[in-house]
Each structure stands twice: as structure tokens, then as C-alpha cells.
Amino acid sequence: MRLTEKRPDLKLPAHLKRARGAADWDRLAPFAFGAGIIAAGAVLSRIRPTALDLPDATPRKSRGSGPISRLIAWTRDGADHVAPENMSAQLGRSLILAGTAMLAARVLDELAGRDD
């Protein structure tokens, strides 16, 4: 018997073949993960533990005497208005945006007919 006569069996064993529902899961998984990310973000934006509270931007001496110090104080006070009060709320908003972007991308892929 020569080596070329006996070829290896390259077929996958039955227990390693993909299940029929696996293709459906590949299509639905981004929707499930996107919804999970949005839910986690909603929970984080609602629950605001005090351990994640950010300190006030205003120091003990709020205004300086010179023009540069006043400009710095004015900038600091302006940034305080847009800065989050609690870090978990900011993380929650970021997760909600990321989950929404993931869902939107997947919906557009489905509408365009892309399979990957």
C-alpha cells in the first residue's frame, strides 16, 4: 500500500458541525448585544453612586486679582457647567450612544442585505 492511495478524511466530525440555528444567532447577536449595552447604559445613568461624584471645580478662593487669574476662573466656571456631576451618568450616556450606534449599523446592514 502506497502513501498516496490512503488520503486523510478531511470531513468534520458530526459533533463539530455548526448547528442550524447558529446562522440565525450570528444575525441576531448584534441586536442582542446592542440592546444589552443600551440597558446597561440606562441603568448606569439612573443609578448614581456617591462614590463616583466628581468634586466641585470652584476652589476656596474663587476669583483671582489679575486679568489672567480672572480669565482662568471664568474658563473654569464655564467648564463646570458642562462637566458631569457624576461619572456613572456620563458612562451611562456613552454606553447608550454606543449601543444605539451598534443597533443602527446592524439595521442598515440588514436593509442593505449584507451578511457579515
PDB file of N, CA and C in Angstrom:
ATOM      1  N   MET A   1       0.844  -1.173   0.000  1.00  0.00           N
ATOM      2  CA  MET A   1       0.000   0.000   0.000  1.00  0.00           C
ATOM      3  C   MET A   1       0.890   1.237   0.000  1.00  0.00           C
ATOM      4  N   ARG A   2       0.633   2.101  -0.933  1.00  0.00           N
ATOM      5  CA  ARG A   2       1.424   3.322  -1.035  1.00  0.00           C
ATOM      6  C   ARG A   2       0.768   4.437  -0.221  1.00  0.00           C
ATOM      7  N   LEU A   3       1.520   5.440   0.097  1.00  0.00           N
ATOM      8  CA  LEU A   3       1.005   6.558   0.879  1.00  0.00           C
ATOM      9  C   LEU A   3      -0.018   7.382   0.112  1.00  0.00           C
ATOM     10  N   THR A   4       0.095   7.444  -1.193  1.00  0.00           N
ATOM     11  CA  THR A   4      -0.825   8.268  -1.967  1.00  0.00           C
ATOM     12  C   THR A   4      -2.198   7.639  -2.104  1.00  0.00           C
ATOM     13  N   GLU A   5      -2.307   6.340  -1.887  1.00  0.00           N
ATOM     14  CA  GLU A   5      -3.603   5.684  -2.009  1.00  0.00           C
ATOM     15  C   GLU A   5      -4.522   6.002  -0.834  1.00  0.00           C
ATOM     16  N   LYS A   6      -3.964   6.154   0.324  1.00  0.00           N
ATOM     17  CA  LYS A   6      -4.780   6.424   1.506  1.00  0.00           C
ATOM     18  C   LYS A   6      -4.742   7.919   1.808  1.00  0.00           C
ATOM     19  N   ARG A   7      -5.856   8.571   1.596  1.00  0.00           N
ATOM     20  CA  ARG A   7      -5.954  10.000   1.836  1.00  0.00           C
ATOM     21  C   ARG A   7      -6.635  10.248   3.183  1.00  0.00           C
ATOM     22  N   PRO A   8      -6.238  11.299   3.838  1.00  0.00           N
ATOM     23  CA  PRO A   8      -6.879  11.579   5.137  1.00  0.00           C
ATOM     24  C   PRO A   8      -8.316  12.042   4.945  1.00  0.00           C
ATOM     25  N   ASP A   9      -9.131  11.728   5.928  1.00  0.00           N
ATOM     26  CA  ASP A   9     -10.531  12.142   5.918  1.00  0.00           C
ATOM     27  C   ASP A   9     -10.606  13.569   6.453  1.00  0.00           C
ATOM     28  N   LEU A  10     -10.965  14.530   5.585  1.00  0.00           N
ATOM     29  CA  LEU A  10     -10.976  15.931   5.958  1.00  0.00           C
ATOM     30  C   LEU A  10     -12.355  16.425   6.361  1.00  0.00           C
ATOM     31  N   LYS A  11     -13.326  15.544   6.457  1.00  0.00           N
ATOM     32  CA  LYS A  11     -14.669  15.954   6.854  1.00  0.00           C
ATOM     33  C   LYS A  11     -14.707  16.210   8.355  1.00  0.00           C
ATOM     34  N   LEU A  12     -15.515  17.182   8.730  1.00  0.00           N
ATOM     35  CA  LEU A  12     -15.662  17.487  10.153  1.00  0.00           C
ATOM     36  C   LEU A  12     -16.485  16.406  10.838  1.00  0.00           C
ATOM     37  N   PRO A  13     -16.116  16.047  12.050  1.00  0.00           N
ATOM     38  CA  PRO A  13     -16.965  15.122  12.801  1.00  0.00           C
ATOM     39  C   PRO A  13     -18.332  15.733  13.064  1.00  0.00           C
ATOM     40  N   ALA A  14     -19.294  14.907  13.315  1.00  0.00           N
ATOM     41  CA  ALA A  14     -20.675  15.371  13.477  1.00  0.00           C
ATOM     42  C   ALA A  14     -20.814  16.337  14.656  1.00  0.00           C
ATOM     43  N   HIS A  15     -20.070  16.122  15.730  1.00  0.00           N
ATOM     44  CA  HIS A  15     -20.218  16.988  16.896  1.00  0.00           C
ATOM     45  C   HIS A  15     -19.560  18.358  16.701  1.00  0.00           C
ATOM     46  N   LEU A  16     -18.739  18.535  15.647  1.00  0.00           N
ATOM     47  CA  LEU A  16     -18.119  19.822  15.398  1.00  0.00           C
ATOM     48  C   LEU A  16     -18.834  20.649  14.329  1.00  0.00           C
ATOM     49  N   LYS A  17     -19.815  20.076  13.668  1.00  0.00           N
ATOM     50  CA  LYS A  17     -20.538  20.820  12.644  1.00  0.00           C
ATOM     51  C   LYS A  17     -21.402  21.882  13.306  1.00  0.00           C
ATOM     52  N   ARG A  18     -21.565  22.993  12.611  1.00  0.00           N
ATOM     53  CA  ARG A  18     -22.374  24.081  13.151  1.00  0.00           C
ATOM     54  C   ARG A  18     -23.838  23.686  13.164  1.00  0.00           C
ATOM     55  N   ALA A  19     -24.489  24.064  14.206  1.00  0.00           N
ATOM     56  CA  ALA A  19     -25.917  23.799  14.306  1.00  0.00           C
ATOM     57  C   ALA A  19     -26.668  24.706  13.341  1.00  0.00           C
ATOM     58  N   ARG A  20     -27.853  24.314  13.002  1.00  0.00           N
ATOM     59  CA  ARG A  20     -28.638  25.086  12.042  1.00  0.00           C
ATOM     60  C   ARG A  20     -28.993  26.468  12.595  1.00  0.00           C
ATOM     61  N   GLY A  21     -29.227  26.575  13.873  1.00  0.00           N
ATOM     62  CA  GLY A  21     -29.595  27.847  14.475  1.00  0.00           C
ATOM     63  C   GLY A  21     -28.416  28.790  14.665  1.00  0.00           C
ATOM     64  N   ALA A  22     -27.200  28.326  14.416  1.00  0.00           N
ATOM     65  CA  ALA A  22     -26.021  29.175  14.613  1.00  0.00           C
ATOM     66  C   ALA A  22     -26.015  30.340  13.633  1.00  0.00           C
ATOM     67  N   ALA A  23     -26.456  30.118  12.418  1.00  0.00           N
ATOM     68  CA  ALA A  23     -26.503  31.202  11.440  1.00  0.00           C
ATOM     69  C   ALA A  23     -27.514  32.268  11.869  1.00  0.00           C
ATOM     70  N   ASP A  24     -28.630  31.832  12.450  1.00  0.00           N
ATOM     71  CA  ASP A  24     -29.609  32.791  12.951  1.00  0.00           C
ATOM     72  C   ASP A  24     -29.037  33.587  14.118  1.00  0.00           C
ATOM     73  N   TRP A  25     -28.288  32.924  14.980  1.00  0.00           N
ATOM     74  CA  TRP A  25     -27.692  33.615  16.123  1.00  0.00           C
ATOM     75  C   TRP A  25     -26.667  34.644  15.656  1.00  0.00           C
ATOM     76  N   ASP A  26     -25.905  34.334  14.605  1.00  0.00           N
ATOM     77  CA  ASP A  26     -24.931  35.283  14.078  1.00  0.00           C
ATOM     78  C   ASP A  26     -25.608  36.555  13.578  1.00  0.00           C
ATOM     79  N   ARG A  27     -26.810  36.448  13.082  1.00  0.00           N
ATOM     80  CA  ARG A  27     -27.541  37.621  12.617  1.00  0.00           C
ATOM     81  C   ARG A  27     -28.186  38.377  13.777  1.00  0.00           C
ATOM     82  N   LEU A  28     -28.617  37.664  14.811  1.00  0.00           N
ATOM     83  CA  LEU A  28     -29.336  38.304  15.914  1.00  0.00           C
ATOM     84  C   LEU A  28     -28.431  38.764  17.056  1.00  0.00           C
ATOM     85  N   ALA A  29     -27.218  38.235  17.123  1.00  0.00           N
ATOM     86  CA  ALA A  29     -26.314  38.569  18.226  1.00  0.00           C
ATOM     87  C   ALA A  29     -26.027  40.069  18.327  1.00  0.00           C
ATOM     88  N   PRO A  30     -25.748  40.777  17.224  1.00  0.00           N
ATOM     89  CA  PRO A  30     -25.515  42.231  17.370  1.00  0.00           C
ATOM     90  C   PRO A  30     -26.717  42.980  17.930  1.00  0.00           C
ATOM     91  N   PHE A  31     -27.931  42.523  17.586  1.00  0.00           N
ATOM     92  CA  PHE A  31     -29.125  43.155  18.152  1.00  0.00           C
ATOM     93  C   PHE A  31     -29.198  42.920  19.657  1.00  0.00           C
ATOM     94  N   ALA A  32     -28.910  41.687  20.069  1.00  0.00           N
ATOM     95  CA  ALA A  32     -28.956  41.359  21.493  1.00  0.00           C
ATOM     96  C   ALA A  32     -27.878  42.121  22.267  1.00  0.00           C
ATOM     97  N   PHE A  33     -26.659  42.161  21.721  1.00  0.00           N
ATOM     98  CA  PHE A  33     -25.582  42.873  22.407  1.00  0.00           C
ATOM     99  C   PHE A  33     -25.850  44.379  22.438  1.00  0.00           C
ATOM    100  N   GLY A  34     -26.361  44.919  21.348  1.00  0.00           N
ATOM    101  CA  GLY A  34     -26.695  46.350  21.309  1.00  0.00           C
ATOM    102  C   GLY A  34     -27.760  46.700  22.331  1.00  0.00           C
ATOM    103  N   ALA A  35     -28.793  45.855  22.415  1.00  0.00           N
ATOM    104  CA  ALA A  35     -29.846  46.094  23.414  1.00  0.00           C
ATOM    105  C   ALA A  35     -29.284  45.964  24.835  1.00  0.00           C
ATOM    106  N   GLY A  36     -28.378  45.022  25.041  1.00  0.00           N
ATOM    107  CA  GLY A  36     -27.751  44.862  26.359  1.00  0.00           C
ATOM    108  C   GLY A  36     -26.899  46.065  26.742  1.00  0.00           C
ATOM    109  N   ILE A  37     -26.167  46.602  25.767  1.00  0.00           N
ATOM    110  CA  ILE A  37     -25.346  47.786  26.033  1.00  0.00           C
ATOM    111  C   ILE A  37     -26.235  48.985  26.365  1.00  0.00           C
ATOM    112  N   ILE A  38     -27.345  49.135  25.639  1.00  0.00           N
ATOM    113  CA  ILE A  38     -28.273  50.230  25.922  1.00  0.00           C
ATOM    114  C   ILE A  38     -28.879  50.064  27.314  1.00  0.00           C
ATOM    115  N   ALA A  39     -29.253  48.826  27.674  1.00  0.00           N
ATOM    116  CA  ALA A  39     -29.827  48.582  29.004  1.00  0.00           C
ATOM    117  C   ALA A  39     -28.813  48.879  30.106  1.00  0.00           C
ATOM    118  N   ALA A  40     -27.561  48.454  29.903  1.00  0.00           N
ATOM    119  CA  ALA A  40     -26.530  48.738  30.911  1.00  0.00           C
ATOM    120  C   ALA A  40     -26.303  50.243  31.041  1.00  0.00           C
ATOM    121  N   GLY A  41     -26.318  50.943  29.922  1.00  0.00           N
ATOM    122  CA  GLY A  41     -26.158  52.391  29.963  1.00  0.00           C
ATOM    123  C   GLY A  41     -27.311  53.076  30.668  1.00  0.00           C
ATOM    124  N   ALA A  42     -28.536  52.574  30.447  1.00  0.00           N
ATOM    125  CA  ALA A  42     -29.699  53.160  31.113  1.00  0.00           C
ATOM    126  C   ALA A  42     -29.623  52.949  32.619  1.00  0.00           C
ATOM    127  N   VAL A  43     -29.181  51.780  33.030  1.00  0.00           N
ATOM    128  CA  VAL A  43     -29.044  51.512  34.463  1.00  0.00           C
ATOM    129  C   VAL A  43     -27.967  52.414  35.069  1.00  0.00           C
ATOM    130  N   LEU A  44     -26.835  52.540  34.380  1.00  0.00           N
ATOM    131  CA  LEU A  44     -25.760  53.387  34.909  1.00  0.00           C
ATOM    132  C   LEU A  44     -26.158  54.858  34.966  1.00  0.00           C
ATOM    133  N   SER A  45     -26.953  55.315  34.015  1.00  0.00           N
ATOM    134  CA  SER A  45     -27.332  56.724  34.052  1.00  0.00           C
ATOM    135  C   SER A  45     -28.398  57.004  35.108  1.00  0.00           C
ATOM    136  N   ARG A  46     -29.143  55.985  35.507  1.00  0.00           N
ATOM    137  CA  ARG A  46     -30.160  56.153  36.557  1.00  0.00           C
ATOM    138  C   ARG A  46     -29.568  56.016  37.953  1.00  0.00           C
ATOM    139  N   ILE A  47     -28.695  55.047  38.143  1.00  0.00           N
ATOM    140  CA  ILE A  47     -28.089  54.804  39.461  1.00  0.00           C
ATOM    141  C   ILE A  47     -26.823  55.647  39.547  1.00  0.00           C
ATOM    142  N   ARG A  48     -26.800  56.548  40.484  1.00  0.00           N
ATOM    143  CA  ARG A  48     -25.658  57.442  40.628  1.00  0.00           C
ATOM    144  C   ARG A  48     -25.032  57.284  42.012  1.00  0.00           C
ATOM    145  N   PRO A  49     -24.103  56.350  42.145  1.00  0.00           N
ATOM    146  CA  PRO A  49     -23.489  56.166  43.461  1.00  0.00           C
ATOM    147  C   PRO A  49     -22.646  57.381  43.847  1.00  0.00           C
ATOM    148  N   THR A  50     -22.658  57.702  45.109  1.00  0.00           N
ATOM    149  CA  THR A  50     -21.932  58.881  45.586  1.00  0.00           C
ATOM    150  C   THR A  50     -20.420  58.712  45.463  1.00  0.00           C
ATOM    151  N   ALA A  51     -19.959  57.468  45.380  1.00  0.00           N
ATOM    152  CA  ALA A  51     -18.521  57.247  45.229  1.00  0.00           C
ATOM    153  C   ALA A  51     -18.017  57.785  43.899  1.00  0.00           C
ATOM    154  N   LEU A  52     -18.901  57.910  42.904  1.00  0.00           N
ATOM    155  CA  LEU A  52     -18.496  58.411  41.590  1.00  0.00           C
ATOM    156  C   LEU A  52     -18.840  59.882  41.380  1.00  0.00           C
ATOM    157  N   ASP A  53     -19.218  60.588  42.455  1.00  0.00           N
ATOM    158  CA  ASP A  53     -19.461  62.021  42.341  1.00  0.00           C
ATOM    159  C   ASP A  53     -18.142  62.743  42.091  1.00  0.00           C
ATOM    160  N   LEU A  54     -18.178  63.703  41.192  1.00  0.00           N
ATOM    161  CA  LEU A  54     -16.984  64.483  40.900  1.00  0.00           C
ATOM    162  C   LEU A  54     -16.955  65.716  41.797  1.00  0.00           C
ATOM    163  N   PRO A  55     -15.776  66.160  42.203  1.00  0.00           N
ATOM    164  CA  PRO A  55     -15.698  67.335  43.082  1.00  0.00           C
ATOM    165  C   PRO A  55     -16.069  68.608  42.331  1.00  0.00           C
ATOM    166  N   ASP A  56     -16.452  69.628  43.094  1.00  0.00           N
ATOM    167  CA  ASP A  56     -16.745  70.931  42.503  1.00  0.00           C
ATOM    168  C   ASP A  56     -15.477  71.521  41.909  1.00  0.00           C
ATOM    169  N   ALA A  57     -15.645  72.272  40.842  1.00  0.00           N
ATOM    170  CA  ALA A  57     -14.487  72.893  40.196  1.00  0.00           C
ATOM    171  C   ALA A  57     -14.055  74.170  40.885  1.00  0.00           C
ATOM    172  N   THR A  58     -14.915  74.736  41.717  1.00  0.00           N
ATOM    173  CA  THR A  58     -14.616  76.004  42.358  1.00  0.00           C
ATOM    174  C   THR A  58     -13.745  75.778  43.598  1.00  0.00           C
ATOM    175  N   PRO A  59     -12.545  76.319  43.622  1.00  0.00           N
ATOM    176  CA  PRO A  59     -11.705  76.169  44.821  1.00  0.00           C
ATOM    177  C   PRO A  59     -12.134  77.161  45.907  1.00  0.00           C
ATOM    178  N   ARG A  60     -11.423  77.158  47.001  1.00  0.00           N
ATOM    179  CA  ARG A  60     -11.773  78.042  48.120  1.00  0.00           C
ATOM    180  C   ARG A  60     -11.695  79.511  47.708  1.00  0.00           C
ATOM    181  N   LYS A  61     -10.655  79.870  47.002  1.00  0.00           N
ATOM    182  CA  LYS A  61     -10.520  81.247  46.520  1.00  0.00           C
ATOM    183  C   LYS A  61     -10.976  81.244  45.061  1.00  0.00           C
ATOM    184  N   SER A  62     -12.185  81.720  44.824  1.00  0.00           N
ATOM    185  CA  SER A  62     -12.781  81.551  43.508  1.00  0.00           C
ATOM    186  C   SER A  62     -12.308  82.569  42.474  1.00  0.00           C
ATOM    187  N   ARG A  63     -11.976  83.767  42.870  1.00  0.00           N
ATOM    188  CA  ARG A  63     -11.564  84.793  41.908  1.00  0.00           C
ATOM    189  C   ARG A  63     -10.151  85.265  42.218  1.00  0.00           C
ATOM    190  N   GLY A  64      -9.400  85.465  41.154  1.00  0.00           N
ATOM    191  CA  GLY A  64      -8.053  85.986  41.314  1.00  0.00           C
ATOM    192  C   GLY A  64      -8.052  87.496  41.194  1.00  0.00           C
ATOM    193  N   SER A  65      -6.902  88.083  41.422  1.00  0.00           N
ATOM    194  CA  SER A  65      -6.827  89.542  41.385  1.00  0.00           C
ATOM    195  C   SER A  65      -6.402  90.068  40.020  1.00  0.00           C
ATOM    196  N   GLY A  66      -5.618  89.310  39.278  1.00  0.00           N
ATOM    197  CA  GLY A  66      -5.126  89.789  37.988  1.00  0.00           C
ATOM    198  C   GLY A  66      -6.026  89.365  36.831  1.00  0.00           C
ATOM    199  N   PRO A  67      -5.779  89.921  35.652  1.00  0.00           N
ATOM    200  CA  PRO A  67      -6.621  89.586  34.500  1.00  0.00           C
ATOM    201  C   PRO A  67      -6.477  88.126  34.056  1.00  0.00           C
ATOM    202  N   ILE A  68      -5.288  87.569  34.192  1.00  0.00           N
ATOM    203  CA  ILE A  68      -5.083  86.158  33.824  1.00  0.00           C
ATOM    204  C   ILE A  68      -5.832  85.257  34.798  1.00  0.00           C
ATOM    205  N   SER A  69      -5.774  85.578  36.066  1.00  0.00           N
ATOM    206  CA  SER A  69      -6.484  84.772  37.068  1.00  0.00           C
ATOM    207  C   SER A  69      -7.988  84.842  36.860  1.00  0.00           C
ATOM    208  N   ARG A  70      -8.498  86.027  36.524  1.00  0.00           N
ATOM    209  CA  ARG A  70      -9.943  86.150  36.252  1.00  0.00           C
ATOM    210  C   ARG A  70     -10.341  85.363  35.011  1.00  0.00           C
ATOM    211  N   LEU A  71      -9.483  85.380  33.983  1.00  0.00           N
ATOM    212  CA  LEU A  71      -9.761  84.618  32.767  1.00  0.00           C
ATOM    213  C   LEU A  71      -9.768  83.114  33.057  1.00  0.00           C
ATOM    214  N   ILE A  72      -8.838  82.667  33.854  1.00  0.00           N
ATOM    215  CA  ILE A  72      -8.784  81.249  34.230  1.00  0.00           C
ATOM    216  C   ILE A  72     -10.011  80.872  35.050  1.00  0.00           C
ATOM    217  N   ALA A  73     -10.409  81.725  35.980  1.00  0.00           N
ATOM    218  CA  ALA A  73     -11.600  81.456  36.797  1.00  0.00           C
ATOM    219  C   ALA A  73     -12.857  81.425  35.929  1.00  0.00           C
ATOM    220  N   TRP A  74     -12.941  82.337  34.944  1.00  0.00           N
ATOM    221  CA  TRP A  74     -14.097  82.368  34.043  1.00  0.00           C
ATOM    222  C   TRP A  74     -14.157  81.087  33.204  1.00  0.00           C
ATOM    223  N   THR A  75     -13.005  80.624  32.731  1.00  0.00           N
ATOM    224  CA  THR A  75     -12.944  79.386  31.955  1.00  0.00           C
ATOM    225  C   THR A  75     -13.332  78.189  32.814  1.00  0.00           C
ATOM    226  N   ARG A  76     -12.816  78.154  34.048  1.00  0.00           N
ATOM    227  CA  ARG A  76     -13.142  77.058  34.961  1.00  0.00           C
ATOM    228  C   ARG A  76     -14.638  77.024  35.256  1.00  0.00           C
ATOM    229  N   ASP A  77     -15.236  78.181  35.506  1.00  0.00           N
ATOM    230  CA  ASP A  77     -16.673  78.229  35.792  1.00  0.00           C
ATOM    231  C   ASP A  77     -17.504  77.822  34.584  1.00  0.00           C
ATOM    232  N   GLY A  78     -17.054  78.162  33.369  1.00  0.00           N
ATOM    233  CA  GLY A  78     -17.754  77.738  32.164  1.00  0.00           C
ATOM    234  C   GLY A  78     -17.669  76.246  31.950  1.00  0.00           C
ATOM    235  N   ALA A  79     -16.509  75.665  32.245  1.00  0.00           N
ATOM    236  CA  ALA A  79     -16.341  74.216  32.102  1.00  0.00           C
ATOM    237  C   ALA A  79     -17.146  73.466  33.156  1.00  0.00           C
ATOM    238  N   ASP A  80     -17.365  74.088  34.292  1.00  0.00           N
ATOM    239  CA  ASP A  80     -18.138  73.440  35.359  1.00  0.00           C
ATOM    240  C   ASP A  80     -19.596  73.230  34.943  1.00  0.00           C
ATOM    241  N   HIS A  81     -20.103  74.078  34.081  1.00  0.00           N
ATOM    242  CA  HIS A  81     -21.492  73.944  33.638  1.00  0.00           C
ATOM    243  C   HIS A  81     -21.693  72.739  32.720  1.00  0.00           C
ATOM    244  N   VAL A  82     -20.688  72.364  31.938  1.00  0.00           N
ATOM    245  CA  VAL A  82     -20.828  71.239  31.010  1.00  0.00           C
ATOM    246  C   VAL A  82     -20.252  69.940  31.562  1.00  0.00           C
ATOM    247  N   ALA A  83     -19.473  70.017  32.614  1.00  0.00           N
ATOM    248  CA  ALA A  83     -18.889  68.813  33.208  1.00  0.00           C
ATOM    249  C   ALA A  83     -19.967  68.006  33.932  1.00  0.00           C
ATOM    250  N   PRO A  84     -19.887  66.669  33.877  1.00  0.00           N
ATOM    251  CA  PRO A  84     -20.885  65.865  34.583  1.00  0.00           C
ATOM    252  C   PRO A  84     -20.708  65.949  36.092  1.00  0.00           C
ATOM    253  N   GLU A  85     -21.813  65.785  36.801  1.00  0.00           N
ATOM    254  CA  GLU A  85     -21.747  65.791  38.264  1.00  0.00           C
ATOM    255  C   GLU A  85     -21.373  64.412  38.803  1.00  0.00           C
ATOM    256  N   ASN A  86     -21.730  63.387  38.049  1.00  0.00           N
ATOM    257  CA  ASN A  86     -21.470  62.024  38.485  1.00  0.00           C
ATOM    258  C   ASN A  86     -20.901  61.242  37.306  1.00  0.00           C
ATOM    259  N   MET A  87     -19.850  60.495  37.542  1.00  0.00           N
ATOM    260  CA  MET A  87     -19.169  59.780  36.464  1.00  0.00           C
ATOM    261  C   MET A  87     -20.017  58.651  35.891  1.00  0.00           C
ATOM    262  N   SER A  88     -20.847  58.002  36.695  1.00  0.00           N
ATOM    263  CA  SER A  88     -21.654  56.894  36.167  1.00  0.00           C
ATOM    264  C   SER A  88     -22.696  57.397  35.175  1.00  0.00           C
ATOM    265  N   ALA A  89     -23.196  58.610  35.366  1.00  0.00           N
ATOM    266  CA  ALA A  89     -24.149  59.172  34.409  1.00  0.00           C
ATOM    267  C   ALA A  89     -23.476  59.385  33.053  1.00  0.00           C
ATOM    268  N   GLN A  90     -22.247  59.853  33.074  1.00  0.00           N
ATOM    269  CA  GLN A  90     -21.514  60.071  31.830  1.00  0.00           C
ATOM    270  C   GLN A  90     -21.202  58.742  31.144  1.00  0.00           C
ATOM    271  N   LEU A  91     -20.798  57.748  31.910  1.00  0.00           N
ATOM    272  CA  LEU A  91     -20.547  56.426  31.340  1.00  0.00           C
ATOM    273  C   LEU A  91     -21.829  55.816  30.780  1.00  0.00           C
ATOM    274  N   GLY A  92     -22.931  56.013  31.475  1.00  0.00           N
ATOM    275  CA  GLY A  92     -24.215  55.508  31.008  1.00  0.00           C
ATOM    276  C   GLY A  92     -24.614  56.121  29.684  1.00  0.00           C
ATOM    277  N   ARG A  93     -24.440  57.442  29.553  1.00  0.00           N
ATOM    278  CA  ARG A  93     -24.750  58.106  28.284  1.00  0.00           C
ATOM    279  C   ARG A  93     -23.874  57.591  27.160  1.00  0.00           C
ATOM    280  N   SER A  94     -22.612  57.363  27.450  1.00  0.00           N
ATOM    281  CA  SER A  94     -21.698  56.847  26.429  1.00  0.00           C
ATOM    282  C   SER A  94     -22.112  55.445  25.989  1.00  0.00           C
ATOM    283  N   LEU A  95     -22.505  54.612  26.936  1.00  0.00           N
ATOM    284  CA  LEU A  95     -22.952  53.264  26.581  1.00  0.00           C
ATOM    285  C   LEU A  95     -24.245  53.292  25.769  1.00  0.00           C
ATOM    286  N   ILE A  96     -25.148  54.185  26.115  1.00  0.00           N
ATOM    287  CA  ILE A  96     -26.400  54.297  25.355  1.00  0.00           C
ATOM    288  C   ILE A  96     -26.098  54.706  23.916  1.00  0.00           C
ATOM    289  N   LEU A  97     -25.203  55.660  23.741  1.00  0.00           N
ATOM    290  CA  LEU A  97     -24.831  56.078  22.387  1.00  0.00           C
ATOM    291  C   LEU A  97     -24.147  54.951  21.622  1.00  0.00           C
ATOM    292  N   ALA A  98     -23.259  54.211  22.278  1.00  0.00           N
ATOM    293  CA  ALA A  98     -22.561  53.111  21.611  1.00  0.00           C
ATOM    294  C   ALA A  98     -23.531  52.001  21.216  1.00  0.00           C
ATOM    295  N   GLY A  99     -24.454  51.654  22.096  1.00  0.00           N
ATOM    296  CA  GLY A  99     -25.436  50.623  21.779  1.00  0.00           C
ATOM    297  C   GLY A  99     -26.367  51.046  20.659  1.00  0.00           C
ATOM    298  N   THR A 100     -26.759  52.310  20.661  1.00  0.00           N
ATOM    299  CA  THR A 100     -27.616  52.822  19.591  1.00  0.00           C
ATOM    300  C   THR A 100     -26.882  52.799  18.253  1.00  0.00           C
ATOM    301  N   ALA A 101     -25.610  53.168  18.254  1.00  0.00           N
ATOM    302  CA  ALA A 101     -24.823  53.125  17.019  1.00  0.00           C
ATOM    303  C   ALA A 101     -24.674  51.699  16.521  1.00  0.00           C
ATOM    304  N   MET A 102     -24.480  50.751  17.434  1.00  0.00           N
ATOM    305  CA  MET A 102     -24.360  49.351  17.038  1.00  0.00           C
ATOM    306  C   MET A 102     -25.656  48.844  16.427  1.00  0.00           C
ATOM    307  N   LEU A 103     -26.782  49.170  17.048  1.00  0.00           N
ATOM    308  CA  LEU A 103     -28.074  48.757  16.503  1.00  0.00           C
ATOM    309  C   LEU A 103     -28.343  49.408  15.150  1.00  0.00           C
ATOM    310  N   ALA A 104     -28.032  50.683  15.034  1.00  0.00           N
ATOM    311  CA  ALA A 104     -28.270  51.382  13.764  1.00  0.00           C
ATOM    312  C   ALA A 104     -27.423  50.783  12.645  1.00  0.00           C
ATOM    313  N   ALA A 105     -26.167  50.475  12.945  1.00  0.00           N
ATOM    314  CA  ALA A 105     -25.302  49.872  11.929  1.00  0.00           C
ATOM    315  C   ALA A 105     -25.825  48.506  11.503  1.00  0.00           C
ATOM    316  N   ARG A 106     -26.286  47.720  12.472  1.00  0.00           N
ATOM    317  CA  ARG A 106     -26.793  46.385  12.131  1.00  0.00           C
ATOM    318  C   ARG A 106     -28.093  46.466  11.341  1.00  0.00           C
ATOM    319  N   VAL A 107     -28.966  47.398  11.692  1.00  0.00           N
ATOM    320  CA  VAL A 107     -30.215  47.567  10.941  1.00  0.00           C
ATOM    321  C   VAL A 107     -29.910  47.985   9.510  1.00  0.00           C
ATOM    322  N   LEU A 108     -28.963  48.910   9.347  1.00  0.00           N
ATOM    323  CA  LEU A 108     -28.585  49.324   8.000  1.00  0.00           C
ATOM    324  C   LEU A 108     -27.955  48.173   7.223  1.00  0.00           C
ATOM    325  N   ASP A 109     -27.169  47.335   7.894  1.00  0.00           N
ATOM    326  CA  ASP A 109     -26.610  46.148   7.220  1.00  0.00           C
ATOM    327  C   ASP A 109     -27.728  45.203   6.767  1.00  0.00           C
ATOM    328  N   GLU A 110     -28.713  45.012   7.606  1.00  0.00           N
ATOM    329  CA  GLU A 110     -29.838  44.137   7.234  1.00  0.00           C
ATOM    330  C   GLU A 110     -30.615  44.718   6.067  1.00  0.00           C
ATOM    331  N   LEU A 111     -30.842  46.026   6.085  1.00  0.00           N
ATOM    332  CA  LEU A 111     -31.571  46.660   4.988  1.00  0.00           C
ATOM    333  C   LEU A 111     -30.790  46.616   3.674  1.00  0.00           C
ATOM    334  N   ALA A 112     -29.465  46.695   3.786  1.00  0.00           N
ATOM    335  CA  ALA A 112     -28.629  46.645   2.584  1.00  0.00           C
ATOM    336  C   ALA A 112     -28.400  45.218   2.100  1.00  0.00           C
ATOM    337  N   GLY A 113     -28.726  44.244   2.949  1.00  0.00           N
ATOM    338  CA  GLY A 113     -28.561  42.851   2.554  1.00  0.00           C
ATOM    339  C   GLY A 113     -27.202  42.271   2.816  1.00  0.00           C
ATOM    340  N   ARG A 114     -26.392  42.938   3.645  1.00  0.00           N
ATOM    341  CA  ARG A 114     -25.071  42.397   3.968  1.00  0.00           C
ATOM    342  C   ARG A 114     -25.210  41.284   4.970  1.00  0.00           C
ATOM    343  N   ASP A 115     -24.418  40.233   4.792  1.00  0.00           N
ATOM    344  CA  ASP A 115     -24.491  39.077   5.689  1.00  0.00           C
ATOM    345  C   ASP A 115     -23.365  39.010   6.693  1.00  0.00           C
ATOM    346  N   ASP A 116     -22.363  39.883   6.619  1.00  0.00           N
ATOM    347  CA  ASP A 116     -21.246  39.776   7.562  1.00  0.00           C
ATOM    348  C   ASP A 116     -21.273  40.832   8.572  1.00  0.00           C
TER     349      ASP A 116
END
